[in-house]
């Protein structure tokens, strides 16, 4: 490392590291930081001296290369932003369980979301282990919060009666809404009620998914399982009324499905 300190240029190193010639910039201008970086390189080698911030960037690049869905990528990016903010300058190999506990203690999330965020953290450090930057995954030592899963029950008769009443009253309350929109809202609610599909499957439904016998065929968005669902007459009639000639009943097919889901 050059000893001249009267320059604000990036500090370079030149020499031999673990038998390999090295000549490159440290991307640092502070001499104390450069000395610590060199010490890390001499102890752990070039590959294992990567910082959390650098590992985060590689983690996101890998996720993008795997063609993950936009929603998944959004969660990944949100997670690494937090990790960079709290531990960004630390070398990956120096991160201990206690560091990760400190990060977890900052989470103001529900139990279910905390468990999912912890899975992301474990996945990130598993990526670091697979990349050769770590020998063990420190996130595995973090215990997930206990959660009691309460099954979601169908609406009872009284609840469904209130929903139907709200559909009938919608036009009176929202007088600016076009009649077509009110009809589509009713058809969407009836479709979800009598088919059991989620809003994502319902909004993205195309007309060719319903055969001449009135059966709905689709692949569930989350599981990919194919299903045939016979639809009652009132659902088919509601869908026919709101048919405006598009391929989809509740979506123009343009733009992102997520935007249509948010609108509905």
Protein backbone atom coordinates (compact mmCIF):
# COMPACT_ATOMS: atom_id res chain seq x y z
CA UNK A 1 0.00 0.00 0.00
CA UNK A 2 1.39 3.39 -0.95
CA UNK A 3 2.39 5.58 1.97
CA UNK A 4 1.93 9.03 0.46
CA UNK A 5 -1.00 10.61 2.34
CA UNK A 6 -1.18 14.03 0.74
CA UNK A 7 -3.71 12.95 -1.91
CA UNK A 8 -7.47 12.45 -1.77
CA UNK A 9 -7.47 9.83 -4.55
CA UNK A 10 -8.65 6.28 -3.92
CA UNK A 11 -6.07 4.11 -2.17
CA UNK A 12 -4.58 1.24 -4.18
CA UNK A 13 -2.86 -1.94 -3.07
CA UNK A 14 -0.15 -3.84 -4.89
CA UNK A 15 1.52 -7.06 -3.82
CA UNK A 16 0.87 -10.76 -3.31
CA UNK A 17 -2.16 -12.06 -1.39
CA UNK A 18 -2.20 -15.78 -0.53
CA UNK A 19 0.16 -16.46 -3.42
CA UNK A 20 -1.92 -14.45 -5.92
CA UNK A 21 -0.65 -11.12 -7.36
CA UNK A 22 -2.99 -8.25 -6.45
CA UNK A 23 -3.08 -4.74 -7.86
CA UNK A 24 -6.35 -2.85 -7.49
CA UNK A 25 -8.18 0.02 -5.84
CA UNK A 26 -9.72 -0.42 -2.40
CA UNK A 27 -12.40 2.17 -3.25
CA UNK A 28 -11.43 3.96 -0.05
CA UNK A 29 -9.76 7.30 0.69
CA UNK A 30 -9.43 6.92 4.46
CA UNK A 31 -6.12 5.36 5.49
CA UNK A 32 -7.43 3.79 8.70
CA UNK A 33 -10.30 2.16 6.82
CA UNK A 34 -7.84 0.99 4.16
CA UNK A 35 -5.60 -0.57 6.83
CA UNK A 36 -8.57 -2.47 8.28
CA UNK A 37 -9.55 -3.64 4.80
CA UNK A 38 -6.04 -4.94 4.13
CA UNK A 39 -6.05 -6.75 7.46
CA UNK A 40 -9.32 -8.45 6.49
CA UNK A 41 -7.85 -9.45 3.13
CA UNK A 42 -4.73 -10.92 4.72
CA UNK A 43 -6.75 -12.96 7.22
CA UNK A 44 -9.73 -14.09 5.18
CA UNK A 45 -8.63 -13.70 1.58
CA UNK A 46 -10.12 -11.83 -1.35
CA UNK A 47 -13.35 -13.84 -1.66
CA UNK A 48 -14.37 -13.76 2.00
CA UNK A 49 -13.68 -10.04 2.57
CA UNK A 50 -16.95 -9.05 0.85
CA UNK A 51 -19.19 -6.66 2.78
CA UNK A 52 -22.86 -7.12 3.60
CA UNK A 53 -23.74 -4.31 1.18
CA UNK A 54 -21.85 -6.01 -1.66
CA UNK A 55 -23.42 -9.37 -0.81
CA UNK A 56 -26.87 -7.75 -0.84
CA UNK A 57 -26.30 -6.43 -4.37
CA UNK A 58 -25.21 -9.88 -5.55
CA UNK A 59 -28.21 -11.45 -3.81
CA UNK A 60 -30.63 -9.17 -5.66
CA UNK A 61 -28.82 -9.72 -8.97
CA UNK A 62 -29.19 -13.47 -8.47
CA UNK A 63 -32.90 -13.12 -7.66
CA UNK A 64 -33.44 -11.07 -10.82
CA UNK A 65 -31.53 -13.64 -12.89
CA UNK A 66 -33.87 -16.33 -11.54
CA UNK A 67 -36.84 -14.36 -12.95
CA UNK A 68 -38.68 -14.11 -9.66
CA UNK A 69 -42.03 -12.35 -9.66
CA UNK A 70 -42.11 -8.60 -9.15
CA UNK A 71 -43.83 -8.99 -5.79
CA UNK A 72 -41.08 -11.31 -4.54
CA UNK A 73 -38.35 -9.00 -5.82
CA UNK A 74 -40.00 -6.09 -4.04
CA UNK A 75 -39.82 -7.99 -0.73
CA UNK A 76 -36.18 -8.94 -1.38
CA UNK A 77 -35.21 -5.33 -2.10
CA UNK A 78 -37.01 -4.03 0.98
CA UNK A 79 -35.20 -6.61 3.11
CA UNK A 80 -31.70 -5.86 1.77
CA UNK A 81 -32.24 -2.09 2.18
CA UNK A 82 -32.74 -2.66 5.88
CA UNK A 83 -29.76 -5.02 6.08
CA UNK A 84 -27.53 -2.50 4.29
CA UNK A 85 -28.65 0.25 6.61
CA UNK A 86 -27.85 -1.72 9.76
CA UNK A 87 -24.89 -3.89 8.72
CA UNK A 88 -23.85 -2.67 5.28
CA UNK A 89 -20.17 -1.96 6.00
CA UNK A 90 -19.51 -5.12 8.01
CA UNK A 91 -17.67 -7.98 6.28
CA UNK A 92 -20.01 -10.91 5.77
CA UNK A 93 -17.76 -13.32 7.67
CA UNK A 94 -17.81 -11.08 10.77
CA UNK A 95 -21.61 -11.08 11.17
CA UNK A 96 -22.62 -12.93 14.31
CA UNK A 97 -25.96 -14.10 15.65
CA UNK A 98 -26.12 -11.15 18.04
CA UNK A 99 -25.90 -8.71 15.13
CA UNK A 100 -28.90 -10.37 13.53
CA UNK A 101 -30.83 -10.32 16.79
CA UNK A 102 -30.30 -6.56 16.89
CA UNK A 103 -31.72 -6.25 13.38
CA UNK A 104 -34.68 -8.46 14.24
CA UNK A 105 -35.43 -6.37 17.35
CA UNK A 106 -36.08 -3.40 15.07
CA UNK A 107 -38.93 -5.17 13.28
CA UNK A 108 -42.37 -3.79 14.17
CA UNK A 109 -44.26 -6.51 12.32
CA UNK A 110 -46.99 -9.04 12.91
CA UNK A 111 -46.01 -12.55 13.95
CA UNK A 112 -46.69 -13.97 10.48
CA UNK A 113 -44.73 -11.23 8.71
CA UNK A 114 -41.85 -11.61 11.18
CA UNK A 115 -41.62 -15.31 10.34
CA UNK A 116 -41.52 -14.52 6.62
CA UNK A 117 -38.87 -11.83 7.12
CA UNK A 118 -36.80 -14.31 9.11
CA UNK A 119 -37.07 -16.79 6.23
CA UNK A 120 -35.69 -14.09 3.93
CA UNK A 121 -32.78 -13.48 6.29
CA UNK A 122 -31.98 -17.20 6.42
CA UNK A 123 -32.19 -17.35 2.63
CA UNK A 124 -29.77 -14.44 2.27
CA UNK A 125 -27.14 -15.97 4.53
CA UNK A 126 -27.64 -19.37 2.91
CA UNK A 127 -26.75 -17.58 -0.34
CA UNK A 128 -23.61 -16.23 1.36
CA UNK A 129 -22.65 -19.73 2.52
CA UNK A 130 -23.20 -21.14 -0.98
CA UNK A 131 -21.04 -18.33 -2.39
CA UNK A 132 -18.14 -19.26 -0.10
CA UNK A 133 -18.24 -16.08 1.99
CA UNK A 134 -19.41 -17.87 5.15
CA UNK A 135 -18.95 -21.34 6.59
CA UNK A 136 -22.20 -21.46 8.57
CA UNK A 137 -25.52 -19.63 8.46
CA UNK A 138 -25.84 -17.38 11.56
CA UNK A 139 -29.53 -16.71 10.86
CA UNK A 140 -30.38 -20.34 11.59
CA UNK A 141 -29.79 -19.68 15.29
CA UNK A 142 -32.64 -17.15 15.37
CA UNK A 143 -35.86 -18.76 16.54
CA UNK A 144 -39.07 -17.86 14.77
CA UNK A 145 -41.93 -16.48 16.89
CA UNK A 146 -44.67 -18.94 17.68
CA UNK A 147 -47.92 -18.41 15.83
CA UNK A 148 -51.30 -19.99 16.25
CA UNK A 149 -52.90 -20.63 12.89
CA UNK A 150 -56.63 -20.02 12.97
CA UNK A 151 -58.36 -21.41 9.88
CA UNK A 152 -60.40 -18.97 7.82
CA UNK A 153 -64.03 -20.05 7.91
CA UNK A 154 -66.61 -19.38 5.18
CA UNK A 155 -69.03 -16.51 5.63
CA UNK A 156 -72.15 -17.55 7.48
CA UNK A 157 -75.63 -16.77 6.17
CA UNK A 158 -75.93 -13.51 8.11
CA UNK A 159 -72.55 -12.23 6.90
CA UNK A 160 -73.31 -13.08 3.29
CA UNK A 161 -76.68 -11.34 3.57
CA UNK A 162 -74.87 -8.15 4.68
CA UNK A 163 -72.49 -8.40 1.71
CA UNK A 164 -75.38 -8.75 -0.72
CA UNK A 165 -77.12 -5.80 0.92
CA UNK A 166 -73.93 -3.73 0.56
CA UNK A 167 -73.75 -4.60 -3.13
CA UNK A 168 -77.33 -3.42 -3.61
CA UNK A 169 -76.67 -0.22 -1.65
CA UNK A 170 -73.38 0.57 -3.39
CA UNK A 171 -75.00 2.47 -6.26
CA UNK A 172 -77.02 4.62 -3.89
CA UNK A 173 -73.98 5.47 -1.79
CA UNK A 174 -71.58 6.01 -4.71
CA UNK A 175 -73.80 7.75 -7.22
CA UNK A 176 -70.85 8.73 -9.40
CA UNK A 177 -70.01 5.09 -10.16
CA UNK A 178 -71.18 3.90 -13.61
CA UNK A 179 -73.80 1.17 -13.67
CA UNK A 180 -71.33 -1.15 -15.42
CA UNK A 181 -68.91 -0.83 -12.51
CA UNK A 182 -71.65 -1.71 -10.03
CA UNK A 183 -72.57 -4.76 -12.10
CA UNK A 184 -68.95 -5.86 -12.26
CA UNK A 185 -68.53 -5.43 -8.52
CA UNK A 186 -71.54 -7.65 -7.92
CA UNK A 187 -70.32 -10.25 -10.42
CA UNK A 188 -66.87 -10.30 -8.81
CA UNK A 189 -68.31 -10.88 -5.34
CA UNK A 190 -70.64 -13.63 -6.59
CA UNK A 191 -67.83 -15.30 -8.53
CA UNK A 192 -65.54 -15.41 -5.49
CA UNK A 193 -68.37 -16.54 -3.22
CA UNK A 194 -69.56 -19.49 -5.35
CA UNK A 195 -66.23 -20.59 -6.84
CA UNK A 196 -64.04 -20.20 -3.77
CA UNK A 197 -61.20 -18.64 -5.79
CA UNK A 198 -59.14 -15.71 -4.51
CA UNK A 199 -59.28 -12.18 -5.84
CA UNK A 200 -56.13 -12.66 -7.95
CA UNK A 201 -57.66 -15.58 -9.86
CA UNK A 202 -61.01 -13.77 -10.12
CA UNK A 203 -59.69 -10.47 -11.49
CA UNK A 204 -57.43 -12.24 -14.01
CA UNK A 205 -60.22 -14.56 -15.19
CA UNK A 206 -60.66 -14.76 -18.97
CA UNK A 207 -63.86 -15.71 -20.75
CA UNK A 208 -62.39 -18.85 -22.30
CA UNK A 209 -62.01 -20.33 -18.81
CA UNK A 210 -65.76 -20.99 -18.62
CA UNK A 211 -67.03 -23.77 -20.87
CA UNK A 212 -70.49 -24.25 -22.38
CA UNK A 213 -71.60 -26.24 -19.35
CA UNK A 214 -70.88 -23.32 -17.08
CA UNK A 215 -67.78 -24.87 -15.53
CA UNK A 216 -64.81 -22.74 -14.55
CA UNK A 217 -61.36 -24.13 -15.35
CA UNK A 218 -58.22 -22.52 -14.01
CA UNK A 219 -54.85 -23.03 -12.41
CA UNK A 220 -54.70 -21.65 -8.90
CA UNK A 221 -52.29 -18.71 -8.74
CA UNK A 222 -50.45 -19.84 -5.60
CA UNK A 223 -50.33 -23.63 -6.04
CA UNK A 224 -50.60 -24.05 -9.80
CA UNK A 225 -53.18 -26.81 -9.32
CA UNK A 226 -55.79 -27.27 -12.11
CA UNK A 227 -59.40 -27.14 -10.94
CA UNK A 228 -62.90 -27.48 -12.51
CA UNK A 229 -65.61 -25.55 -10.70
CA UNK A 230 -69.31 -25.69 -11.70
CA UNK A 231 -70.80 -22.20 -11.42
CA UNK A 232 -74.46 -21.64 -10.46
CA UNK A 233 -76.82 -19.84 -12.81
CA UNK A 234 -76.84 -16.51 -10.90
CA UNK A 235 -73.03 -16.24 -11.25
CA UNK A 236 -73.13 -16.99 -14.98
CA UNK A 237 -75.88 -14.40 -15.46
CA UNK A 238 -73.93 -11.78 -13.51
CA UNK A 239 -70.83 -12.43 -15.62
CA UNK A 240 -72.85 -12.17 -18.83
CA UNK A 241 -74.30 -8.81 -17.78
CA UNK A 242 -70.87 -7.32 -17.06
CA UNK A 243 -69.33 -8.69 -20.27
CA UNK A 244 -68.08 -5.71 -22.31
CA UNK A 245 -66.33 -7.64 -25.05
CA UNK A 246 -62.87 -7.83 -23.49
CA UNK A 247 -60.90 -11.03 -23.03
CA UNK A 248 -61.05 -10.54 -19.26
CA UNK A 249 -64.16 -9.86 -17.22
CA UNK A 250 -62.58 -7.54 -14.63
CA UNK A 251 -59.30 -6.43 -16.19
CA UNK A 252 -58.40 -4.77 -19.47
CA UNK A 253 -55.38 -7.04 -19.83
CA UNK A 254 -53.17 -3.96 -20.15
CA UNK A 255 -50.69 -2.89 -17.51
CA UNK A 256 -49.88 -4.93 -14.43
CA UNK A 257 -52.35 -7.29 -12.79
CA UNK A 258 -51.24 -5.93 -9.41
CA UNK A 259 -52.67 -2.51 -10.33
CA UNK A 260 -56.04 -4.03 -11.21
CA UNK A 261 -56.05 -6.03 -7.97
CA UNK A 262 -55.39 -2.85 -5.99
CA UNK A 263 -58.26 -1.07 -7.76
CA UNK A 264 -60.71 -3.87 -7.05
